mmCIF file of all heavy atoms, coordinates in Angstrom:
data_MODEL
# 
_entry.id   MODEL 
# 
loop_
_atom_site.group_PDB 
_atom_site.id 
_atom_site.type_symbol 
_atom_site.label_atom_id 
_atom_site.label_alt_id 
_atom_site.label_comp_id 
_atom_site.label_asym_id 
_atom_site.label_entity_id 
_atom_site.label_seq_id 
_atom_site.pdbx_PDB_ins_code 
_atom_site.Cartn_x 
_atom_site.Cartn_y 
_atom_site.Cartn_z 
_atom_site.occupancy 
_atom_site.B_iso_or_equiv 
_atom_site.pdbx_formal_charge 
_atom_site.auth_seq_id 
_atom_site.auth_comp_id 
_atom_site.auth_asym_id 
_atom_site.auth_atom_id 
_atom_site.pdbx_PDB_model_num 
ATOM 1   N N   . LEU A 1 1  ? 0.816   -1.194 0.013   1.00 0.00 ? 1  LEU A N   1 
ATOM 2   C CA  . LEU A 1 1  ? 0.024   -0.006 -0.024  1.00 0.00 ? 1  LEU A CA  1 
ATOM 3   C C   . LEU A 1 1  ? 0.864   1.281  0.003   1.00 0.00 ? 1  LEU A C   1 
ATOM 4   O O   . LEU A 1 1  ? 0.648   2.184  -0.802  1.00 0.00 ? 1  LEU A O   1 
ATOM 5   C CB  . LEU A 1 1  ? -1.024  0.055  1.178   1.00 0.00 ? 1  LEU A CB  1 
ATOM 6   C CG  . LEU A 1 1  ? -1.855  1.221  1.337   1.00 0.00 ? 1  LEU A CG  1 
ATOM 7   C CD1 . LEU A 1 1  ? -2.846  1.322  0.143   1.00 0.00 ? 1  LEU A CD1 1 
ATOM 8   C CD2 . LEU A 1 1  ? -2.588  1.107  2.670   1.00 0.00 ? 1  LEU A CD2 1 
ATOM 9   N N   . PHE A 1 2  ? 1.894   1.220  0.904   1.00 0.00 ? 2  PHE A N   1 
ATOM 10  C CA  . PHE A 1 2  ? 2.824   2.412  0.870   1.00 0.00 ? 2  PHE A CA  1 
ATOM 11  C C   . PHE A 1 2  ? 3.528   2.770  -0.455  1.00 0.00 ? 2  PHE A C   1 
ATOM 12  O O   . PHE A 1 2  ? 3.537   3.820  -0.914  1.00 0.00 ? 2  PHE A O   1 
ATOM 13  C CB  . PHE A 1 2  ? 3.888   2.259  1.942   1.00 0.00 ? 2  PHE A CB  1 
ATOM 14  C CG  . PHE A 1 2  ? 3.407   2.165  3.314   1.00 0.00 ? 2  PHE A CG  1 
ATOM 15  C CD1 . PHE A 1 2  ? 4.057   1.267  4.317   1.00 0.00 ? 2  PHE A CD1 1 
ATOM 16  C CD2 . PHE A 1 2  ? 2.239   2.825  3.752   1.00 0.00 ? 2  PHE A CD2 1 
ATOM 17  C CE1 . PHE A 1 2  ? 3.574   1.247  5.638   1.00 0.00 ? 2  PHE A CE1 1 
ATOM 18  C CE2 . PHE A 1 2  ? 1.790   2.743  5.116   1.00 0.00 ? 2  PHE A CE2 1 
ATOM 19  C CZ  . PHE A 1 2  ? 2.382   1.903  5.993   1.00 0.00 ? 2  PHE A CZ  1 
ATOM 20  N N   . GLU A 1 3  ? 3.891   1.627  -1.120  1.00 0.00 ? 3  GLU A N   1 
ATOM 21  C CA  . GLU A 1 3  ? 4.607   1.788  -2.353  1.00 0.00 ? 3  GLU A CA  1 
ATOM 22  C C   . GLU A 1 3  ? 3.687   2.204  -3.453  1.00 0.00 ? 3  GLU A C   1 
ATOM 23  O O   . GLU A 1 3  ? 4.069   2.944  -4.375  1.00 0.00 ? 3  GLU A O   1 
ATOM 24  C CB  . GLU A 1 3  ? 5.407   0.431  -2.715  1.00 0.00 ? 3  GLU A CB  1 
ATOM 25  C CG  . GLU A 1 3  ? 6.583   0.172  -1.731  1.00 0.00 ? 3  GLU A CG  1 
ATOM 26  C CD  . GLU A 1 3  ? 7.366   -1.043 -2.100  1.00 0.00 ? 3  GLU A CD  1 
ATOM 27  O OE1 . GLU A 1 3  ? 7.323   -1.367 -3.324  1.00 0.00 ? 3  GLU A OE1 1 
ATOM 28  O OE2 . GLU A 1 3  ? 7.886   -1.739 -1.175  1.00 0.00 ? 3  GLU A OE2 1 
ATOM 29  N N   . VAL A 1 4  ? 2.472   1.560  -3.606  1.00 0.00 ? 4  VAL A N   1 
ATOM 30  C CA  . VAL A 1 4  ? 1.589   1.910  -4.776  1.00 0.00 ? 4  VAL A CA  1 
ATOM 31  C C   . VAL A 1 4  ? 1.140   3.438  -4.531  1.00 0.00 ? 4  VAL A C   1 
ATOM 32  O O   . VAL A 1 4  ? 0.952   4.084  -5.557  1.00 0.00 ? 4  VAL A O   1 
ATOM 33  C CB  . VAL A 1 4  ? 0.481   0.985  -4.833  1.00 0.00 ? 4  VAL A CB  1 
ATOM 34  C CG1 . VAL A 1 4  ? -0.593  1.158  -3.742  1.00 0.00 ? 4  VAL A CG1 1 
ATOM 35  C CG2 . VAL A 1 4  ? -0.217  0.991  -6.208  1.00 0.00 ? 4  VAL A CG2 1 
ATOM 36  N N   . ALA A 1 5  ? 0.874   3.850  -3.238  1.00 0.00 ? 5  ALA A N   1 
ATOM 37  C CA  . ALA A 1 5  ? 0.442   5.252  -2.988  1.00 0.00 ? 5  ALA A CA  1 
ATOM 38  C C   . ALA A 1 5  ? 1.641   6.122  -3.344  1.00 0.00 ? 5  ALA A C   1 
ATOM 39  O O   . ALA A 1 5  ? 1.267   7.255  -3.864  1.00 0.00 ? 5  ALA A O   1 
ATOM 40  C CB  . ALA A 1 5  ? 0.024   5.322  -1.582  1.00 0.00 ? 5  ALA A CB  1 
ATOM 41  N N   . SER A 1 6  ? 2.832   5.835  -3.108  1.00 0.00 ? 6  SER A N   1 
ATOM 42  C CA  . SER A 1 6  ? 3.951   6.768  -3.320  1.00 0.00 ? 6  SER A CA  1 
ATOM 43  C C   . SER A 1 6  ? 4.123   6.931  -4.888  1.00 0.00 ? 6  SER A C   1 
ATOM 44  O O   . SER A 1 6  ? 4.698   7.959  -5.304  1.00 0.00 ? 6  SER A O   1 
ATOM 45  C CB  . SER A 1 6  ? 5.238   6.141  -2.785  1.00 0.00 ? 6  SER A CB  1 
ATOM 46  O OG  . SER A 1 6  ? 5.664   4.925  -3.396  1.00 0.00 ? 6  SER A OG  1 
ATOM 47  N N   . ILE A 1 7  ? 3.637   6.019  -5.649  1.00 0.00 ? 7  ILE A N   1 
ATOM 48  C CA  . ILE A 1 7  ? 3.801   6.182  -7.193  1.00 0.00 ? 7  ILE A CA  1 
ATOM 49  C C   . ILE A 1 7  ? 3.058   7.468  -7.564  1.00 0.00 ? 7  ILE A C   1 
ATOM 50  O O   . ILE A 1 7  ? 3.600   8.244  -8.456  1.00 0.00 ? 7  ILE A O   1 
ATOM 51  C CB  . ILE A 1 7  ? 3.181   4.999  -7.950  1.00 0.00 ? 7  ILE A CB  1 
ATOM 52  C CG1 . ILE A 1 7  ? 3.981   3.733  -7.695  1.00 0.00 ? 7  ILE A CG1 1 
ATOM 53  C CG2 . ILE A 1 7  ? 3.174   5.322  -9.464  1.00 0.00 ? 7  ILE A CG2 1 
ATOM 54  C CD1 . ILE A 1 7  ? 3.430   2.538  -8.293  1.00 0.00 ? 7  ILE A CD1 1 
ATOM 55  N N   . ILE A 1 8  ? 1.921   7.770  -6.995  1.00 0.00 ? 8  ILE A N   1 
ATOM 56  C CA  . ILE A 1 8  ? 1.102   8.896  -7.566  1.00 0.00 ? 8  ILE A CA  1 
ATOM 57  C C   . ILE A 1 8  ? 1.049   10.064 -6.549  1.00 0.00 ? 8  ILE A C   1 
ATOM 58  O O   . ILE A 1 8  ? 0.471   11.098 -6.777  1.00 0.00 ? 8  ILE A O   1 
ATOM 59  C CB  . ILE A 1 8  ? -0.364  8.531  -7.819  1.00 0.00 ? 8  ILE A CB  1 
ATOM 60  C CG1 . ILE A 1 8  ? -1.068  7.992  -6.539  1.00 0.00 ? 8  ILE A CG1 1 
ATOM 61  C CG2 . ILE A 1 8  ? -0.399  7.476  -8.973  1.00 0.00 ? 8  ILE A CG2 1 
ATOM 62  C CD1 . ILE A 1 8  ? -2.489  7.574  -6.722  1.00 0.00 ? 8  ILE A CD1 1 
ATOM 63  N N   . LEU A 1 9  ? 1.856   10.004 -5.489  1.00 0.00 ? 9  LEU A N   1 
ATOM 64  C CA  . LEU A 1 9  ? 1.842   10.983 -4.419  1.00 0.00 ? 9  LEU A CA  1 
ATOM 65  C C   . LEU A 1 9  ? 2.360   12.330 -5.028  1.00 0.00 ? 9  LEU A C   1 
ATOM 66  O O   . LEU A 1 9  ? 1.591   13.334 -4.916  1.00 0.00 ? 9  LEU A O   1 
ATOM 67  C CB  . LEU A 1 9  ? 2.798   10.539 -3.262  1.00 0.00 ? 9  LEU A CB  1 
ATOM 68  C CG  . LEU A 1 9  ? 2.759   11.525 -1.973  1.00 0.00 ? 9  LEU A CG  1 
ATOM 69  C CD1 . LEU A 1 9  ? 1.364   11.477 -1.406  1.00 0.00 ? 9  LEU A CD1 1 
ATOM 70  C CD2 . LEU A 1 9  ? 3.825   11.077 -1.012  1.00 0.00 ? 9  LEU A CD2 1 
ATOM 71  N N   . ILE A 1 10 ? 3.522   12.410 -5.648  1.00 0.00 ? 10 ILE A N   1 
ATOM 72  C CA  . ILE A 1 10 ? 3.924   13.699 -6.231  1.00 0.00 ? 10 ILE A CA  1 
ATOM 73  C C   . ILE A 1 10 ? 3.239   14.145 -7.395  1.00 0.00 ? 10 ILE A C   1 
ATOM 74  O O   . ILE A 1 10 ? 2.896   15.202 -7.563  1.00 0.00 ? 10 ILE A O   1 
ATOM 75  C CB  . ILE A 1 10 ? 5.538   13.479 -6.412  1.00 0.00 ? 10 ILE A CB  1 
ATOM 76  C CG1 . ILE A 1 10 ? 6.295   13.431 -5.066  1.00 0.00 ? 10 ILE A CG1 1 
ATOM 77  C CG2 . ILE A 1 10 ? 6.033   14.802 -7.126  1.00 0.00 ? 10 ILE A CG2 1 
ATOM 78  C CD1 . ILE A 1 10 ? 7.738   13.189 -5.195  1.00 0.00 ? 10 ILE A CD1 1 
ATOM 79  N N   . PRO A 1 11 ? 2.959   13.162 -8.341  1.00 0.00 ? 11 PRO A N   1 
ATOM 80  C CA  . PRO A 1 11 ? 2.090   13.534 -9.587  1.00 0.00 ? 11 PRO A CA  1 
ATOM 81  C C   . PRO A 1 11 ? 0.836   14.205 -9.192  1.00 0.00 ? 11 PRO A C   1 
ATOM 82  O O   . PRO A 1 11 ? 0.404   15.253 -9.752  1.00 0.00 ? 11 PRO A O   1 
ATOM 83  C CB  . PRO A 1 11 ? 1.972   12.278 -10.189 1.00 0.00 ? 11 PRO A CB  1 
ATOM 84  C CG  . PRO A 1 11 ? 3.155   11.454 -9.976  1.00 0.00 ? 11 PRO A CG  1 
ATOM 85  C CD  . PRO A 1 11 ? 3.475   11.786 -8.582  1.00 0.00 ? 11 PRO A CD  1 
ATOM 86  N N   . VAL A 1 12 ? 0.024   13.672 -8.234  1.00 0.00 ? 12 VAL A N   1 
ATOM 87  C CA  . VAL A 1 12 ? -1.148  14.411 -7.750  1.00 0.00 ? 12 VAL A CA  1 
ATOM 88  C C   . VAL A 1 12 ? -0.834  15.766 -7.137  1.00 0.00 ? 12 VAL A C   1 
ATOM 89  O O   . VAL A 1 12 ? -1.572  16.688 -7.295  1.00 0.00 ? 12 VAL A O   1 
ATOM 90  C CB  . VAL A 1 12 ? -1.951  13.435 -6.840  1.00 0.00 ? 12 VAL A CB  1 
ATOM 91  C CG1 . VAL A 1 12 ? -3.169  14.116 -6.263  1.00 0.00 ? 12 VAL A CG1 1 
ATOM 92  C CG2 . VAL A 1 12 ? -2.338  12.202 -7.535  1.00 0.00 ? 12 VAL A CG2 1 
ATOM 93  N N   . ALA A 1 13 ? 0.148   15.732 -6.287  1.00 0.00 ? 13 ALA A N   1 
ATOM 94  C CA  . ALA A 1 13 ? 0.461   17.049 -5.709  1.00 0.00 ? 13 ALA A CA  1 
ATOM 95  C C   . ALA A 1 13 ? 0.789   18.149 -6.709  1.00 0.00 ? 13 ALA A C   1 
ATOM 96  O O   . ALA A 1 13 ? 0.574   19.284 -6.580  1.00 0.00 ? 13 ALA A O   1 
ATOM 97  C CB  . ALA A 1 13 ? 1.678   16.853 -4.746  1.00 0.00 ? 13 ALA A CB  1 
ATOM 98  N N   . LEU A 1 14 ? 1.433   17.693 -7.801  1.00 0.00 ? 14 LEU A N   1 
ATOM 99  C CA  . LEU A 1 14 ? 1.794   18.725 -8.982  1.00 0.00 ? 14 LEU A CA  1 
ATOM 100 C C   . LEU A 1 14 ? 0.497   19.285 -9.588  1.00 0.00 ? 14 LEU A C   1 
ATOM 101 O O   . LEU A 1 14 ? 0.689   20.450 -10.098 1.00 0.00 ? 14 LEU A O   1 
ATOM 102 C CB  . LEU A 1 14 ? 2.598   17.945 -9.955  1.00 0.00 ? 14 LEU A CB  1 
ATOM 103 C CG  . LEU A 1 14 ? 4.020   17.647 -9.630  1.00 0.00 ? 14 LEU A CG  1 
ATOM 104 C CD1 . LEU A 1 14 ? 4.773   16.795 -10.698 1.00 0.00 ? 14 LEU A CD1 1 
ATOM 105 C CD2 . LEU A 1 14 ? 4.787   18.899 -9.389  1.00 0.00 ? 14 LEU A CD2 1 
ATOM 106 N N   . VAL A 1 15 ? -0.617  18.556 -9.459  1.00 0.00 ? 15 VAL A N   1 
ATOM 107 C CA  . VAL A 1 15 ? -1.823  19.120 -10.078 1.00 0.00 ? 15 VAL A CA  1 
ATOM 108 C C   . VAL A 1 15 ? -2.255  20.324 -9.265  1.00 0.00 ? 15 VAL A C   1 
ATOM 109 O O   . VAL A 1 15 ? -2.620  21.393 -9.825  1.00 0.00 ? 15 VAL A O   1 
ATOM 110 C CB  . VAL A 1 15 ? -2.946  18.082 -10.067 1.00 0.00 ? 15 VAL A CB  1 
ATOM 111 C CG1 . VAL A 1 15 ? -4.242  18.661 -10.538 1.00 0.00 ? 15 VAL A CG1 1 
ATOM 112 C CG2 . VAL A 1 15 ? -2.539  16.926 -10.875 1.00 0.00 ? 15 VAL A CG2 1 
ATOM 113 N N   . PHE A 1 16 ? -2.107  20.277 -7.884  1.00 0.00 ? 16 PHE A N   1 
ATOM 114 C CA  . PHE A 1 16 ? -2.489  21.365 -7.038  1.00 0.00 ? 16 PHE A CA  1 
ATOM 115 C C   . PHE A 1 16 ? -1.415  22.409 -7.103  1.00 0.00 ? 16 PHE A C   1 
ATOM 116 O O   . PHE A 1 16 ? -1.716  23.525 -6.919  1.00 0.00 ? 16 PHE A O   1 
ATOM 117 C CB  . PHE A 1 16 ? -2.670  20.874 -5.627  1.00 0.00 ? 16 PHE A CB  1 
ATOM 118 C CG  . PHE A 1 16 ? -3.900  20.005 -5.540  1.00 0.00 ? 16 PHE A CG  1 
ATOM 119 C CD1 . PHE A 1 16 ? -3.910  18.588 -5.537  1.00 0.00 ? 16 PHE A CD1 1 
ATOM 120 C CD2 . PHE A 1 16 ? -5.258  20.638 -5.438  1.00 0.00 ? 16 PHE A CD2 1 
ATOM 121 C CE1 . PHE A 1 16 ? -5.022  17.819 -5.461  1.00 0.00 ? 16 PHE A CE1 1 
ATOM 122 C CE2 . PHE A 1 16 ? -6.308  19.847 -5.396  1.00 0.00 ? 16 PHE A CE2 1 
ATOM 123 C CZ  . PHE A 1 16 ? -6.278  18.439 -5.348  1.00 0.00 ? 16 PHE A CZ  1 
ATOM 124 N N   . THR A 1 17 ? -0.150  22.059 -7.363  1.00 0.00 ? 17 THR A N   1 
ATOM 125 C CA  . THR A 1 17 ? 0.872   22.956 -7.445  1.00 0.00 ? 17 THR A CA  1 
ATOM 126 C C   . THR A 1 17 ? 0.631   23.881 -8.682  1.00 0.00 ? 17 THR A C   1 
ATOM 127 O O   . THR A 1 17 ? 0.753   25.159 -8.653  1.00 0.00 ? 17 THR A O   1 
ATOM 128 C CB  . THR A 1 17 ? 2.169   22.339 -7.706  1.00 0.00 ? 17 THR A CB  1 
ATOM 129 O OG1 . THR A 1 17 ? 2.493   21.454 -6.611  1.00 0.00 ? 17 THR A OG1 1 
ATOM 130 C CG2 . THR A 1 17 ? 3.434   23.416 -7.864  1.00 0.00 ? 17 THR A CG2 1 
ATOM 131 N N   . PHE A 1 18 ? 0.059   23.312 -9.805  1.00 0.00 ? 18 PHE A N   1 
ATOM 132 C CA  . PHE A 1 18 ? -0.242  24.107 -10.909 1.00 0.00 ? 18 PHE A CA  1 
ATOM 133 C C   . PHE A 1 18 ? -1.414  25.027 -10.725 1.00 0.00 ? 18 PHE A C   1 
ATOM 134 O O   . PHE A 1 18 ? -1.329  26.258 -11.079 1.00 0.00 ? 18 PHE A O   1 
ATOM 135 C CB  . PHE A 1 18 ? -0.873  23.155 -12.048 1.00 0.00 ? 18 PHE A CB  1 
ATOM 136 C CG  . PHE A 1 18 ? -1.367  23.831 -13.243 1.00 0.00 ? 18 PHE A CG  1 
ATOM 137 C CD1 . PHE A 1 18 ? -0.639  24.443 -14.171 1.00 0.00 ? 18 PHE A CD1 1 
ATOM 138 C CD2 . PHE A 1 18 ? -2.791  23.779 -13.466 1.00 0.00 ? 18 PHE A CD2 1 
ATOM 139 C CE1 . PHE A 1 18 ? -1.098  25.096 -15.227 1.00 0.00 ? 18 PHE A CE1 1 
ATOM 140 C CE2 . PHE A 1 18 ? -3.239  24.394 -14.596 1.00 0.00 ? 18 PHE A CE2 1 
ATOM 141 C CZ  . PHE A 1 18 ? -2.424  25.077 -15.450 1.00 0.00 ? 18 PHE A CZ  1 
ATOM 142 N N   . GLY A 1 19 ? -2.430  24.652 -9.889  1.00 0.00 ? 19 GLY A N   1 
ATOM 143 C CA  . GLY A 1 19 ? -3.396  25.585 -9.494  1.00 0.00 ? 19 GLY A CA  1 
ATOM 144 C C   . GLY A 1 19 ? -2.914  26.751 -8.649  1.00 0.00 ? 19 GLY A C   1 
ATOM 145 O O   . GLY A 1 19 ? -3.462  27.889 -8.794  1.00 0.00 ? 19 GLY A O   1 
ATOM 146 N N   . HIS A 1 20 ? -2.007  26.579 -7.784  1.00 0.00 ? 20 HIS A N   1 
ATOM 147 C CA  . HIS A 1 20 ? -1.450  27.617 -7.029  1.00 0.00 ? 20 HIS A CA  1 
ATOM 148 C C   . HIS A 1 20 ? -0.622  28.632 -7.835  1.00 0.00 ? 20 HIS A C   1 
ATOM 149 O O   . HIS A 1 20 ? -0.770  29.799 -7.726  1.00 0.00 ? 20 HIS A O   1 
ATOM 150 C CB  . HIS A 1 20 ? -0.452  26.988 -5.979  1.00 0.00 ? 20 HIS A CB  1 
ATOM 151 C CG  . HIS A 1 20 ? -1.179  26.480 -4.653  1.00 0.00 ? 20 HIS A CG  1 
ATOM 152 N ND1 . HIS A 1 20 ? -1.838  27.333 -3.758  1.00 0.00 ? 20 HIS A ND1 1 
ATOM 153 C CD2 . HIS A 1 20 ? -1.360  25.228 -4.411  1.00 0.00 ? 20 HIS A CD2 1 
ATOM 154 C CE1 . HIS A 1 20 ? -2.360  26.610 -2.844  1.00 0.00 ? 20 HIS A CE1 1 
ATOM 155 N NE2 . HIS A 1 20 ? -2.166  25.310 -3.143  1.00 0.00 ? 20 HIS A NE2 1 
ATOM 156 N N   . TYR A 1 21 ? 0.002   28.053 -8.886  1.00 0.00 ? 21 TYR A N   1 
ATOM 157 C CA  . TYR A 1 21 ? 0.793   28.945 -9.788  1.00 0.00 ? 21 TYR A CA  1 
ATOM 158 C C   . TYR A 1 21 ? -0.077  29.819 -10.628 1.00 0.00 ? 21 TYR A C   1 
ATOM 159 O O   . TYR A 1 21 ? 0.237   30.960 -10.867 1.00 0.00 ? 21 TYR A O   1 
ATOM 160 C CB  . TYR A 1 21 ? 1.788   28.106 -10.737 1.00 0.00 ? 21 TYR A CB  1 
ATOM 161 C CG  . TYR A 1 21 ? 3.055   27.746 -10.203 1.00 0.00 ? 21 TYR A CG  1 
ATOM 162 C CD1 . TYR A 1 21 ? 3.516   26.391 -10.110 1.00 0.00 ? 21 TYR A CD1 1 
ATOM 163 C CD2 . TYR A 1 21 ? 3.986   28.825 -9.942  1.00 0.00 ? 21 TYR A CD2 1 
ATOM 164 C CE1 . TYR A 1 21 ? 4.759   26.135 -9.512  1.00 0.00 ? 21 TYR A CE1 1 
ATOM 165 C CE2 . TYR A 1 21 ? 5.225   28.519 -9.354  1.00 0.00 ? 21 TYR A CE2 1 
ATOM 166 C CZ  . TYR A 1 21 ? 5.650   27.080 -9.344  1.00 0.00 ? 21 TYR A CZ  1 
ATOM 167 O OH  . TYR A 1 21 ? 6.952   26.890 -8.721  1.00 0.00 ? 21 TYR A OH  1 
ATOM 168 N N   . VAL A 1 22 ? -1.177  29.256 -11.116 1.00 0.00 ? 22 VAL A N   1 
ATOM 169 C CA  . VAL A 1 22 ? -2.079  30.038 -11.871 1.00 0.00 ? 22 VAL A CA  1 
ATOM 170 C C   . VAL A 1 22 ? -3.099  30.787 -11.015 1.00 0.00 ? 22 VAL A C   1 
ATOM 171 O O   . VAL A 1 22 ? -3.985  31.469 -11.608 1.00 0.00 ? 22 VAL A O   1 
ATOM 172 C CB  . VAL A 1 22 ? -2.744  29.222 -12.985 1.00 0.00 ? 22 VAL A CB  1 
ATOM 173 C CG1 . VAL A 1 22 ? -1.759  28.462 -13.868 1.00 0.00 ? 22 VAL A CG1 1 
ATOM 174 C CG2 . VAL A 1 22 ? -3.711  28.194 -12.414 1.00 0.00 ? 22 VAL A CG2 1 
ATOM 175 N N   . LYS A 1 23 ? -2.911  30.643 -9.832  1.00 0.00 ? 23 LYS A N   1 
ATOM 176 C CA  . LYS A 1 23 ? -3.911  31.269 -8.756  1.00 0.00 ? 23 LYS A CA  1 
ATOM 177 C C   . LYS A 1 23 ? -5.360  31.038 -9.042  1.00 0.00 ? 23 LYS A C   1 
ATOM 178 O O   . LYS A 1 23 ? -6.242  31.880 -8.951  1.00 0.00 ? 23 LYS A O   1 
ATOM 179 C CB  . LYS A 1 23 ? -3.716  32.851 -8.871  1.00 0.00 ? 23 LYS A CB  1 
ATOM 180 C CG  . LYS A 1 23 ? -2.311  33.210 -8.360  1.00 0.00 ? 23 LYS A CG  1 
ATOM 181 C CD  . LYS A 1 23 ? -2.054  34.771 -8.520  1.00 0.00 ? 23 LYS A CD  1 
ATOM 182 C CE  . LYS A 1 23 ? -0.717  35.130 -8.041  1.00 0.00 ? 23 LYS A CE  1 
ATOM 183 N NZ  . LYS A 1 23 ? 0.420   34.554 -8.721  1.00 0.00 ? 23 LYS A NZ  1 
ATOM 184 N N   . ASP A 1 24 ? -5.618  29.771 -9.305  1.00 0.00 ? 24 ASP A N   1 
ATOM 185 C CA  . ASP A 1 24 ? -6.965  29.198 -9.567  1.00 0.00 ? 24 ASP A CA  1 
ATOM 186 C C   . ASP A 1 24 ? -7.067  27.830 -9.323  1.00 0.00 ? 24 ASP A C   1 
ATOM 187 O O   . ASP A 1 24 ? -6.832  26.926 -10.272 1.00 0.00 ? 24 ASP A O   1 
ATOM 188 C CB  . ASP A 1 24 ? -7.531  29.625 -10.957 1.00 0.00 ? 24 ASP A CB  1 
ATOM 189 C CG  . ASP A 1 24 ? -8.962  29.340 -11.190 1.00 0.00 ? 24 ASP A CG  1 
ATOM 190 O OD1 . ASP A 1 24 ? -9.648  28.887 -10.297 1.00 0.00 ? 24 ASP A OD1 1 
ATOM 191 O OD2 . ASP A 1 24 ? -9.454  29.766 -12.321 1.00 0.00 ? 24 ASP A OD2 1 
ATOM 192 N N   . LEU A 1 25 ? -7.358  27.440 -8.053  1.00 0.00 ? 25 LEU A N   1 
ATOM 193 C CA  . LEU A 1 25 ? -7.427  26.026 -7.756  1.00 0.00 ? 25 LEU A CA  1 
ATOM 194 C C   . LEU A 1 25 ? -8.667  25.231 -8.434  1.00 0.00 ? 25 LEU A C   1 
ATOM 195 O O   . LEU A 1 25 ? -8.600  24.023 -8.492  1.00 0.00 ? 25 LEU A O   1 
ATOM 196 C CB  . LEU A 1 25 ? -7.516  25.814 -6.276  1.00 0.00 ? 25 LEU A CB  1 
ATOM 197 C CG  . LEU A 1 25 ? -6.177  25.994 -5.480  1.00 0.00 ? 25 LEU A CG  1 
ATOM 198 C CD1 . LEU A 1 25 ? -6.453  25.914 -3.957  1.00 0.00 ? 25 LEU A CD1 1 
ATOM 199 C CD2 . LEU A 1 25 ? -5.162  24.987 -5.925  1.00 0.00 ? 25 LEU A CD2 1 
ATOM 200 N N   . ARG A 1 26 ? -9.503  26.005 -9.039  1.00 0.00 ? 26 ARG A N   1 
ATOM 201 C CA  . ARG A 1 26 ? -10.626 25.324 -9.729  1.00 0.00 ? 26 ARG A CA  1 
ATOM 202 C C   . ARG A 1 26 ? -10.071 24.499 -11.011 1.00 0.00 ? 26 ARG A C   1 
ATOM 203 O O   . ARG A 1 26 ? -10.671 23.497 -11.370 1.00 0.00 ? 26 ARG A O   1 
ATOM 204 C CB  . ARG A 1 26 ? -11.746 26.383 -10.226 1.00 0.00 ? 26 ARG A CB  1 
ATOM 205 C CG  . ARG A 1 26 ? -12.394 27.151 -8.977  1.00 0.00 ? 26 ARG A CG  1 
ATOM 206 C CD  . ARG A 1 26 ? -13.354 28.126 -9.626  1.00 0.00 ? 26 ARG A CD  1 
ATOM 207 N NE  . ARG A 1 26 ? -12.582 29.127 -10.406 1.00 0.00 ? 26 ARG A NE  1 
ATOM 208 C CZ  . ARG A 1 26 ? -13.206 30.146 -11.144 1.00 0.00 ? 26 ARG A CZ  1 
ATOM 209 N NH1 . ARG A 1 26 ? -14.569 30.250 -11.059 1.00 0.00 ? 26 ARG A NH1 1 
ATOM 210 N NH2 . ARG A 1 26 ? -12.493 30.952 -11.870 1.00 0.00 ? 26 ARG A NH2 1 
ATOM 211 N N   . GLN A 1 27 ? -8.990  25.190 -11.517 1.00 0.00 ? 27 GLN A N   1 
ATOM 212 C CA  . GLN A 1 27 ? -8.329  24.397 -12.664 1.00 0.00 ? 27 GLN A CA  1 
ATOM 213 C C   . GLN A 1 27 ? -7.789  23.073 -12.272 1.00 0.00 ? 27 GLN A C   1 
ATOM 214 O O   . GLN A 1 27 ? -7.987  22.022 -12.888 1.00 0.00 ? 27 GLN A O   1 
ATOM 215 C CB  . GLN A 1 27 ? -7.206  25.254 -13.304 1.00 0.00 ? 27 GLN A CB  1 
ATOM 216 C CG  . GLN A 1 27 ? -7.603  26.690 -13.710 1.00 0.00 ? 27 GLN A CG  1 
ATOM 217 C CD  . GLN A 1 27 ? -8.535  26.750 -14.696 1.00 0.00 ? 27 GLN A CD  1 
ATOM 218 O OE1 . GLN A 1 27 ? -8.697  25.939 -15.641 1.00 0.00 ? 27 GLN A OE1 1 
ATOM 219 N NE2 . GLN A 1 27 ? -9.411  27.722 -14.763 1.00 0.00 ? 27 GLN A NE2 1 
ATOM 220 N N   . SER A 1 28 ? -7.206  23.030 -10.959 1.00 0.00 ? 28 SER A N   1 
ATOM 221 C CA  . SER A 1 28 ? -6.652  21.789 -10.475 1.00 0.00 ? 28 SER A CA  1 
ATOM 222 C C   . SER A 1 28 ? -7.751  20.772 -10.292 1.00 0.00 ? 28 SER A C   1 
ATOM 223 O O   . SER A 1 28 ? -7.568  19.680 -10.531 1.00 0.00 ? 28 SER A O   1 
ATOM 224 C CB  . SER A 1 28 ? -5.897  22.088 -9.071  1.00 0.00 ? 28 SER A CB  1 
ATOM 225 O OG  . SER A 1 28 ? -4.848  22.944 -9.429  1.00 0.00 ? 28 SER A OG  1 
# 
């Protein structure tokens, strides 16, 4: 479980990072 969750941990976080950069979390 730890290993499979870690596969997508950073990729999912990057989606929200994008929302912060464009100042619109609705895009995320």
